[in-house]
Amino acid sequence: HLRALRVPVVEWAGRRGIPVTSPLGANGSGILCIRPPHADRAWHALNDAGVVTSLREGAIRLSPHLYNTVEELERVAGLLDRAL
């Protein structure tokens, strides 16, 4: 479930050439870190939209869990797209 949740943001990052700084695949966890340009601006846009994330070392840290949905992560990808 956690790996499926990450798909919209991972695909968004791939289309935009945004580095994913957390491990993916079998070694990955539910946590997803991306390093967009102007990460602080993107982080503020997510925060202003009510999305709880962390900004650490220039990367946005998303921690989706069991109670999140793919649709919520699709929304995150859309918010990131508009923020950058």
PDB file of N, CA and C in Angstrom:
ATOM      1  N   HIS A   1       0.824  -1.193   0.000  1.00  0.00           N
ATOM      2  CA  HIS A   1       0.000   0.000   0.000  1.00  0.00           C
ATOM      3  C   HIS A   1       0.873   1.264   0.000  1.00  0.00           C
ATOM      4  N   LEU A   2       1.902   1.279   0.849  1.00  0.00           N
ATOM      5  CA  LEU A   2       2.745   2.472   0.937  1.00  0.00           C
ATOM      6  C   LEU A   2       3.484   2.738  -0.363  1.00  0.00           C
ATOM      7  N   ARG A   3       3.968   1.705  -1.021  1.00  0.00           N
ATOM      8  CA  ARG A   3       4.663   1.907  -2.298  1.00  0.00           C
ATOM      9  C   ARG A   3       3.706   2.440  -3.363  1.00  0.00           C
ATOM     10  N   ALA A   4       2.461   1.967  -3.355  1.00  0.00           N
ATOM     11  CA  ALA A   4       1.471   2.448  -4.325  1.00  0.00           C
ATOM     12  C   ALA A   4       1.140   3.917  -4.080  1.00  0.00           C
ATOM     13  N   LEU A   5       1.139   4.335  -2.822  1.00  0.00           N
ATOM     14  CA  LEU A   5       0.838   5.731  -2.506  1.00  0.00           C
ATOM     15  C   LEU A   5       1.857   6.680  -3.113  1.00  0.00           C
ATOM     16  N   ARG A   6       3.109   6.252  -3.178  1.00  0.00           N
ATOM     17  CA  ARG A   6       4.174   7.124  -3.658  1.00  0.00           C
ATOM     18  C   ARG A   6       4.146   7.341  -5.165  1.00  0.00           C
ATOM     19  N   VAL A   7       3.485   6.470  -5.895  1.00  0.00           N
ATOM     20  CA  VAL A   7       3.544   6.473  -7.358  1.00  0.00           C
ATOM     21  C   VAL A   7       3.227   7.840  -7.971  1.00  0.00           C
ATOM     22  N   PRO A   8       2.142   8.537  -7.607  1.00  0.00           N
ATOM     23  CA  PRO A   8       1.872   9.817  -8.267  1.00  0.00           C
ATOM     24  C   PRO A   8       3.009  10.835  -8.107  1.00  0.00           C
ATOM     25  N   VAL A   9       3.610  10.897  -6.946  1.00  0.00           N
ATOM     26  CA  VAL A   9       4.681  11.877  -6.720  1.00  0.00           C
ATOM     27  C   VAL A   9       5.969  11.412  -7.395  1.00  0.00           C
ATOM     28  N   VAL A  10       6.270  10.124  -7.350  1.00  0.00           N
ATOM     29  CA  VAL A  10       7.470   9.611  -8.020  1.00  0.00           C
ATOM     30  C   VAL A  10       7.363   9.823  -9.530  1.00  0.00           C
ATOM     31  N   GLU A  11       6.207   9.547 -10.105  1.00  0.00           N
ATOM     32  CA  GLU A  11       6.019   9.767 -11.545  1.00  0.00           C
ATOM     33  C   GLU A  11       6.105  11.245 -11.886  1.00  0.00           C
ATOM     34  N   TRP A  12       5.515  12.094 -11.048  1.00  0.00           N
ATOM     35  CA  TRP A  12       5.612  13.544 -11.263  1.00  0.00           C
ATOM     36  C   TRP A  12       7.082  13.961 -11.260  1.00  0.00           C
ATOM     37  N   ALA A  13       7.834  13.495 -10.273  1.00  0.00           N
ATOM     38  CA  ALA A  13       9.251  13.850 -10.168  1.00  0.00           C
ATOM     39  C   ALA A  13      10.011  13.384 -11.411  1.00  0.00           C
ATOM     40  N   GLY A  14       9.724  12.188 -11.875  1.00  0.00           N
ATOM     41  CA  GLY A  14      10.386  11.678 -13.079  1.00  0.00           C
ATOM     42  C   GLY A  14      10.105  12.524 -14.302  1.00  0.00           C
ATOM     43  N   ARG A  15       8.857  12.935 -14.476  1.00  0.00           N
ATOM     44  CA  ARG A  15       8.492  13.784 -15.621  1.00  0.00           C
ATOM     45  C   ARG A  15       9.181  15.140 -15.556  1.00  0.00           C
ATOM     46  N   ARG A  16       9.373  15.652 -14.363  1.00  0.00           N
ATOM     47  CA  ARG A  16       9.965  16.988 -14.192  1.00  0.00           C
ATOM     48  C   ARG A  16      11.485  16.967 -14.007  1.00  0.00           C
ATOM     49  N   GLY A  17      12.071  15.777 -13.930  1.00  0.00           N
ATOM     50  CA  GLY A  17      13.508  15.684 -13.705  1.00  0.00           C
ATOM     51  C   GLY A  17      13.905  16.053 -12.278  1.00  0.00           C
ATOM     52  N   ILE A  18      12.977  15.864 -11.346  1.00  0.00           N
ATOM     53  CA  ILE A  18      13.204  16.187  -9.935  1.00  0.00           C
ATOM     54  C   ILE A  18      13.835  14.970  -9.257  1.00  0.00           C
ATOM     55  N   PRO A  19      14.961  15.145  -8.578  1.00  0.00           N
ATOM     56  CA  PRO A  19      15.569  14.000  -7.893  1.00  0.00           C
ATOM     57  C   PRO A  19      14.713  13.485  -6.738  1.00  0.00           C
ATOM     58  N   VAL A  20      14.591  12.165  -6.668  1.00  0.00           N
ATOM     59  CA  VAL A  20      14.004  11.495  -5.514  1.00  0.00           C
ATOM     60  C   VAL A  20      15.194  11.059  -4.669  1.00  0.00           C
ATOM     61  N   THR A  21      15.283  11.576  -3.448  1.00  0.00           N
ATOM     62  CA  THR A  21      16.472  11.325  -2.631  1.00  0.00           C
ATOM     63  C   THR A  21      16.295  10.204  -1.627  1.00  0.00           C
ATOM     64  N   SER A  22      15.131   9.613  -1.569  1.00  0.00           N
ATOM     65  CA  SER A  22      14.918   8.463  -0.686  1.00  0.00           C
ATOM     66  C   SER A  22      14.978   7.195  -1.526  1.00  0.00           C
ATOM     67  N   PRO A  23      15.352   6.072  -0.912  1.00  0.00           N
ATOM     68  CA  PRO A  23      15.428   4.811  -1.660  1.00  0.00           C
ATOM     69  C   PRO A  23      14.052   4.393  -2.186  1.00  0.00           C
ATOM     70  N   LEU A  24      14.054   3.849  -3.385  1.00  0.00           N
ATOM     71  CA  LEU A  24      12.835   3.308  -3.985  1.00  0.00           C
ATOM     72  C   LEU A  24      12.994   1.795  -4.125  1.00  0.00           C
ATOM     73  N   GLY A  25      11.989   1.135  -4.577  1.00  0.00           N
ATOM     74  CA  GLY A  25      12.062  -0.301  -4.794  1.00  0.00           C
ATOM     75  C   GLY A  25      11.985  -1.087  -3.503  1.00  0.00           C
ATOM     76  N   ALA A  26      12.582  -2.265  -3.509  1.00  0.00           N
ATOM     77  CA  ALA A  26      12.497  -3.175  -2.371  1.00  0.00           C
ATOM     78  C   ALA A  26      13.120  -2.591  -1.109  1.00  0.00           C
ATOM     79  N   ASN A  27      14.083  -1.693  -1.249  1.00  0.00           N
ATOM     80  CA  ASN A  27      14.740  -1.095  -0.088  1.00  0.00           C
ATOM     81  C   ASN A  27      14.064   0.180   0.393  1.00  0.00           C
ATOM     82  N   GLY A  28      13.036   0.604  -0.297  1.00  0.00           N
ATOM     83  CA  GLY A  28      12.352   1.834   0.063  1.00  0.00           C
ATOM     84  C   GLY A  28      11.395   1.657   1.225  1.00  0.00           C
ATOM     85  N   SER A  29      11.111   2.763   1.878  1.00  0.00           N
ATOM     86  CA  SER A  29      10.111   2.763   2.946  1.00  0.00           C
ATOM     87  C   SER A  29       8.919   3.584   2.473  1.00  0.00           C
ATOM     88  N   GLY A  30       8.016   3.866   3.354  1.00  0.00           N
ATOM     89  CA  GLY A  30       6.881   4.704   3.009  1.00  0.00           C
ATOM     90  C   GLY A  30       7.254   6.170   2.875  1.00  0.00           C
ATOM     91  N   ILE A  31       8.390   6.533   3.445  1.00  0.00           N
ATOM     92  CA  ILE A  31       8.837   7.930   3.391  1.00  0.00           C
ATOM     93  C   ILE A  31       9.356   8.229   1.992  1.00  0.00           C
ATOM     94  N   LEU A  32       9.009   9.412   1.500  1.00  0.00           N
ATOM     95  CA  LEU A  32       9.430   9.831   0.168  1.00  0.00           C
ATOM     96  C   LEU A  32      10.016  11.227   0.258  1.00  0.00           C
ATOM     97  N   CYS A  33      11.260  11.362  -0.178  1.00  0.00           N
ATOM     98  CA  CYS A  33      11.929  12.662  -0.181  1.00  0.00           C
ATOM     99  C   CYS A  33      12.235  13.056  -1.615  1.00  0.00           C
ATOM    100  N   ILE A  34      11.884  14.288  -1.952  1.00  0.00           N
ATOM    101  CA  ILE A  34      12.168  14.827  -3.289  1.00  0.00           C
ATOM    102  C   ILE A  34      12.906  16.141  -3.116  1.00  0.00           C
ATOM    103  N   ARG A  35      13.745  16.462  -4.105  1.00  0.00           N
ATOM    104  CA  ARG A  35      14.542  17.680  -4.025  1.00  0.00           C
ATOM    105  C   ARG A  35      14.250  18.572  -5.247  1.00  0.00           C
ATOM    106  N   PRO A  36      13.118  19.272  -5.211  1.00  0.00           N
ATOM    107  CA  PRO A  36      12.811  20.171  -6.328  1.00  0.00           C
ATOM    108  C   PRO A  36      13.624  21.458  -6.216  1.00  0.00           C
ATOM    109  N   PRO A  37      13.799  22.153  -7.341  1.00  0.00           N
ATOM    110  CA  PRO A  37      14.396  23.482  -7.235  1.00  0.00           C
ATOM    111  C   PRO A  37      13.433  24.350  -6.418  1.00  0.00           C
ATOM    112  N   HIS A  38      13.954  25.265  -5.674  1.00  0.00           N
ATOM    113  CA  HIS A  38      13.118  26.135  -4.839  1.00  0.00           C
ATOM    114  C   HIS A  38      12.249  25.304  -3.893  1.00  0.00           C
ATOM    115  N   ALA A  39      12.871  24.334  -3.241  1.00  0.00           N
ATOM    116  CA  ALA A  39      12.139  23.427  -2.340  1.00  0.00           C
ATOM    117  C   ALA A  39      11.399  24.195  -1.259  1.00  0.00           C
ATOM    118  N   ASP A  40      11.972  25.299  -0.805  1.00  0.00           N
ATOM    119  CA  ASP A  40      11.299  26.077   0.242  1.00  0.00           C
ATOM    120  C   ASP A  40       9.980  26.639  -0.257  1.00  0.00           C
ATOM    121  N   ARG A  41       9.960  27.114  -1.489  1.00  0.00           N
ATOM    122  CA  ARG A  41       8.719  27.647  -2.073  1.00  0.00           C
ATOM    123  C   ARG A  41       7.683  26.539  -2.228  1.00  0.00           C
ATOM    124  N   ALA A  42       8.115  25.365  -2.708  1.00  0.00           N
ATOM    125  CA  ALA A  42       7.195  24.236  -2.867  1.00  0.00           C
ATOM    126  C   ALA A  42       6.682  23.777  -1.511  1.00  0.00           C
ATOM    127  N   TRP A  43       7.565  23.744  -0.517  1.00  0.00           N
ATOM    128  CA  TRP A  43       7.156  23.340   0.831  1.00  0.00           C
ATOM    129  C   TRP A  43       6.096  24.284   1.382  1.00  0.00           C
ATOM    130  N   HIS A  44       6.291  25.586   1.205  1.00  0.00           N
ATOM    131  CA  HIS A  44       5.302  26.560   1.680  1.00  0.00           C
ATOM    132  C   HIS A  44       3.962  26.380   0.965  1.00  0.00           C
ATOM    133  N   ALA A  45       3.995  26.104  -0.333  1.00  0.00           N
ATOM    134  CA  ALA A  45       2.750  25.893  -1.079  1.00  0.00           C
ATOM    135  C   ALA A  45       2.008  24.670  -0.543  1.00  0.00           C
ATOM    136  N   LEU A  46       2.731  23.593  -0.263  1.00  0.00           N
ATOM    137  CA  LEU A  46       2.091  22.412   0.310  1.00  0.00           C
ATOM    138  C   LEU A  46       1.530  22.720   1.690  1.00  0.00           C
ATOM    139  N   ASN A  47       2.324  23.384   2.498  1.00  0.00           N
ATOM    140  CA  ASN A  47       1.891  23.742   3.850  1.00  0.00           C
ATOM    141  C   ASN A  47       0.641  24.621   3.810  1.00  0.00           C
ATOM    142  N   ASP A  48       0.642  25.612   2.926  1.00  0.00           N
ATOM    143  CA  ASP A  48      -0.512  26.516   2.811  1.00  0.00           C
ATOM    144  C   ASP A  48      -1.770  25.774   2.371  1.00  0.00           C
ATOM    145  N   ALA A  49      -1.583  24.656   1.651  1.00  0.00           N
ATOM    146  CA  ALA A  49      -2.719  23.847   1.187  1.00  0.00           C
ATOM    147  C   ALA A  49      -3.119  22.790   2.210  1.00  0.00           C
ATOM    148  N   GLY A  50      -2.470  22.800   3.369  1.00  0.00           N
ATOM    149  CA  GLY A  50      -2.830  21.863   4.427  1.00  0.00           C
ATOM    150  C   GLY A  50      -2.145  20.510   4.350  1.00  0.00           C
ATOM    151  N   VAL A  51      -1.113  20.408   3.527  1.00  0.00           N
ATOM    152  CA  VAL A  51      -0.370  19.150   3.405  1.00  0.00           C
ATOM    153  C   VAL A  51       0.791  19.199   4.393  1.00  0.00           C
ATOM    154  N   VAL A  52       0.841  18.236   5.285  1.00  0.00           N
ATOM    155  CA  VAL A  52       1.882  18.205   6.312  1.00  0.00           C
ATOM    156  C   VAL A  52       3.112  17.494   5.749  1.00  0.00           C
ATOM    157  N   THR A  53       4.200  18.228   5.635  1.00  0.00           N
ATOM    158  CA  THR A  53       5.479  17.695   5.169  1.00  0.00           C
ATOM    159  C   THR A  53       6.582  18.329   5.997  1.00  0.00           C
ATOM    160  N   SER A  54       7.798  17.880   5.768  1.00  0.00           N
ATOM    161  CA  SER A  54       8.966  18.486   6.401  1.00  0.00           C
ATOM    162  C   SER A  54       9.913  18.957   5.313  1.00  0.00           C
ATOM    163  N   LEU A  55      10.654  20.000   5.611  1.00  0.00           N
ATOM    164  CA  LEU A  55      11.708  20.467   4.717  1.00  0.00           C
ATOM    165  C   LEU A  55      13.025  20.180   5.420  1.00  0.00           C
ATOM    166  N   ARG A  56      13.798  19.264   4.860  1.00  0.00           N
ATOM    167  CA  ARG A  56      15.055  18.844   5.479  1.00  0.00           C
ATOM    168  C   ARG A  56      16.171  18.825   4.449  1.00  0.00           C
ATOM    169  N   GLU A  57      17.213  19.581   4.729  1.00  0.00           N
ATOM    170  CA  GLU A  57      18.404  19.606   3.892  1.00  0.00           C
ATOM    171  C   GLU A  57      18.064  19.828   2.418  1.00  0.00           C
ATOM    172  N   GLY A  58      17.157  20.725   2.147  1.00  0.00           N
ATOM    173  CA  GLY A  58      16.787  21.063   0.779  1.00  0.00           C
ATOM    174  C   GLY A  58      15.849  20.083   0.100  1.00  0.00           C
ATOM    175  N   ALA A  59      15.318  19.137   0.837  1.00  0.00           N
ATOM    176  CA  ALA A  59      14.390  18.156   0.273  1.00  0.00           C
ATOM    177  C   ALA A  59      13.070  18.196   1.032  1.00  0.00           C
ATOM    178  N   ILE A  60      12.003  17.925   0.325  1.00  0.00           N
ATOM    179  CA  ILE A  60      10.682  17.838   0.936  1.00  0.00           C
ATOM    180  C   ILE A  60      10.459  16.382   1.316  1.00  0.00           C
ATOM    181  N   ARG A  61      10.115  16.156   2.568  1.00  0.00           N
ATOM    182  CA  ARG A  61       9.911  14.800   3.094  1.00  0.00           C
ATOM    183  C   ARG A  61       8.412  14.561   3.271  1.00  0.00           C
ATOM    184  N   LEU A  62       7.903  13.606   2.513  1.00  0.00           N
ATOM    185  CA  LEU A  62       6.510  13.189   2.608  1.00  0.00           C
ATOM    186  C   LEU A  62       6.468  11.860   3.348  1.00  0.00           C
ATOM    187  N   SER A  63       5.516  11.709   4.230  1.00  0.00           N
ATOM    188  CA  SER A  63       5.394  10.466   5.006  1.00  0.00           C
ATOM    189  C   SER A  63       3.976   9.914   4.925  1.00  0.00           C
ATOM    190  N   PRO A  64       3.534   9.520   3.731  1.00  0.00           N
ATOM    191  CA  PRO A  64       2.185   8.955   3.636  1.00  0.00           C
ATOM    192  C   PRO A  64       2.121   7.633   4.399  1.00  0.00           C
ATOM    193  N   HIS A  65       0.941   7.324   4.879  1.00  0.00           N
ATOM    194  CA  HIS A  65       0.786   6.097   5.656  1.00  0.00           C
ATOM    195  C   HIS A  65      -0.542   5.437   5.314  1.00  0.00           C
ATOM    196  N   LEU A  66      -0.890   4.435   6.063  1.00  0.00           N
ATOM    197  CA  LEU A  66      -2.049   3.594   5.793  1.00  0.00           C
ATOM    198  C   LEU A  66      -3.326   4.407   5.573  1.00  0.00           C
ATOM    199  N   TYR A  67      -3.493   5.481   6.307  1.00  0.00           N
ATOM    200  CA  TYR A  67      -4.726   6.255   6.230  1.00  0.00           C
ATOM    201  C   TYR A  67      -4.762   7.207   5.029  1.00  0.00           C
ATOM    202  N   ASN A  68      -3.669   7.351   4.293  1.00  0.00           N
ATOM    203  CA  ASN A  68      -3.658   8.203   3.113  1.00  0.00           C
ATOM    204  C   ASN A  68      -4.155   7.435   1.891  1.00  0.00           C
ATOM    205  N   THR A  69      -4.522   8.192   0.850  1.00  0.00           N
ATOM    206  CA  THR A  69      -5.014   7.595  -0.386  1.00  0.00           C
ATOM    207  C   THR A  69      -4.149   8.036  -1.560  1.00  0.00           C
ATOM    208  N   VAL A  70      -4.236   7.282  -2.642  1.00  0.00           N
ATOM    209  CA  VAL A  70      -3.527   7.647  -3.865  1.00  0.00           C
ATOM    210  C   VAL A  70      -4.026   9.014  -4.350  1.00  0.00           C
ATOM    211  N   GLU A  71      -5.308   9.266  -4.206  1.00  0.00           N
ATOM    212  CA  GLU A  71      -5.866  10.553  -4.646  1.00  0.00           C
ATOM    213  C   GLU A  71      -5.232  11.718  -3.885  1.00  0.00           C
ATOM    214  N   GLU A  72      -4.954  11.521  -2.627  1.00  0.00           N
ATOM    215  CA  GLU A  72      -4.292  12.589  -1.861  1.00  0.00           C
ATOM    216  C   GLU A  72      -2.884  12.852  -2.391  1.00  0.00           C
ATOM    217  N   LEU A  73      -2.179  11.797  -2.766  1.00  0.00           N
ATOM    218  CA  LEU A  73      -0.839  11.986  -3.313  1.00  0.00           C
ATOM    219  C   LEU A  73      -0.890  12.544  -4.734  1.00  0.00           C
ATOM    220  N   GLU A  74      -1.944  12.263  -5.473  1.00  0.00           N
ATOM    221  CA  GLU A  74      -2.150  12.911  -6.779  1.00  0.00           C
ATOM    222  C   GLU A  74      -2.346  14.412  -6.570  1.00  0.00           C
ATOM    223  N   ARG A  75      -3.067  14.773  -5.529  1.00  0.00           N
ATOM    224  CA  ARG A  75      -3.255  16.189  -5.192  1.00  0.00           C
ATOM    225  C   ARG A  75      -1.920  16.834  -4.860  1.00  0.00           C
ATOM    226  N   VAL A  76      -1.074  16.136  -4.105  1.00  0.00           N
ATOM    227  CA  VAL A  76       0.248  16.655  -3.764  1.00  0.00           C
ATOM    228  C   VAL A  76       1.052  16.916  -5.034  1.00  0.00           C
ATOM    229  N   ALA A  77       1.032  15.966  -5.972  1.00  0.00           N
ATOM    230  CA  ALA A  77       1.759  16.150  -7.238  1.00  0.00           C
ATOM    231  C   ALA A  77       1.229  17.383  -7.976  1.00  0.00           C
ATOM    232  N   GLY A  78      -0.068  17.577  -7.982  1.00  0.00           N
ATOM    233  CA  GLY A  78      -0.638  18.761  -8.640  1.00  0.00           C
ATOM    234  C   GLY A  78      -0.231  20.047  -7.956  1.00  0.00           C
ATOM    235  N   LEU A  79      -0.223  20.048  -6.639  1.00  0.00           N
ATOM    236  CA  LEU A  79       0.219  21.228  -5.901  1.00  0.00           C
ATOM    237  C   LEU A  79       1.683  21.533  -6.168  1.00  0.00           C
ATOM    238  N   LEU A  80       2.500  20.508  -6.212  1.00  0.00           N
ATOM    239  CA  LEU A  80       3.922  20.705  -6.517  1.00  0.00           C
ATOM    240  C   LEU A  80       4.090  21.260  -7.919  1.00  0.00           C
ATOM    241  N   ASP A  81       3.321  20.750  -8.857  1.00  0.00           N
ATOM    242  CA  ASP A  81       3.406  21.219 -10.243  1.00  0.00           C
ATOM    243  C   ASP A  81       3.104  22.708 -10.337  1.00  0.00           C
ATOM    244  N   ARG A  82       2.090  23.138  -9.617  1.00  0.00           N
ATOM    245  CA  ARG A  82       1.728  24.558  -9.648  1.00  0.00           C
ATOM    246  C   ARG A  82       2.723  25.432  -8.898  1.00  0.00           C
ATOM    247  N   ALA A  83       3.402  24.854  -7.891  1.00  0.00           N
ATOM    248  CA  ALA A  83       4.334  25.634  -7.070  1.00  0.00           C
ATOM    249  C   ALA A  83       5.667  25.890  -7.776  1.00  0.00           C
ATOM    250  N   LEU A  84       5.994  25.063  -8.765  1.00  0.00           N
ATOM    251  CA  LEU A  84       7.311  25.197  -9.402  1.00  0.00           C
ATOM    252  C   LEU A  84       7.244  25.791 -10.779  1.00  0.00           C
TER     253      LEU A  84
END
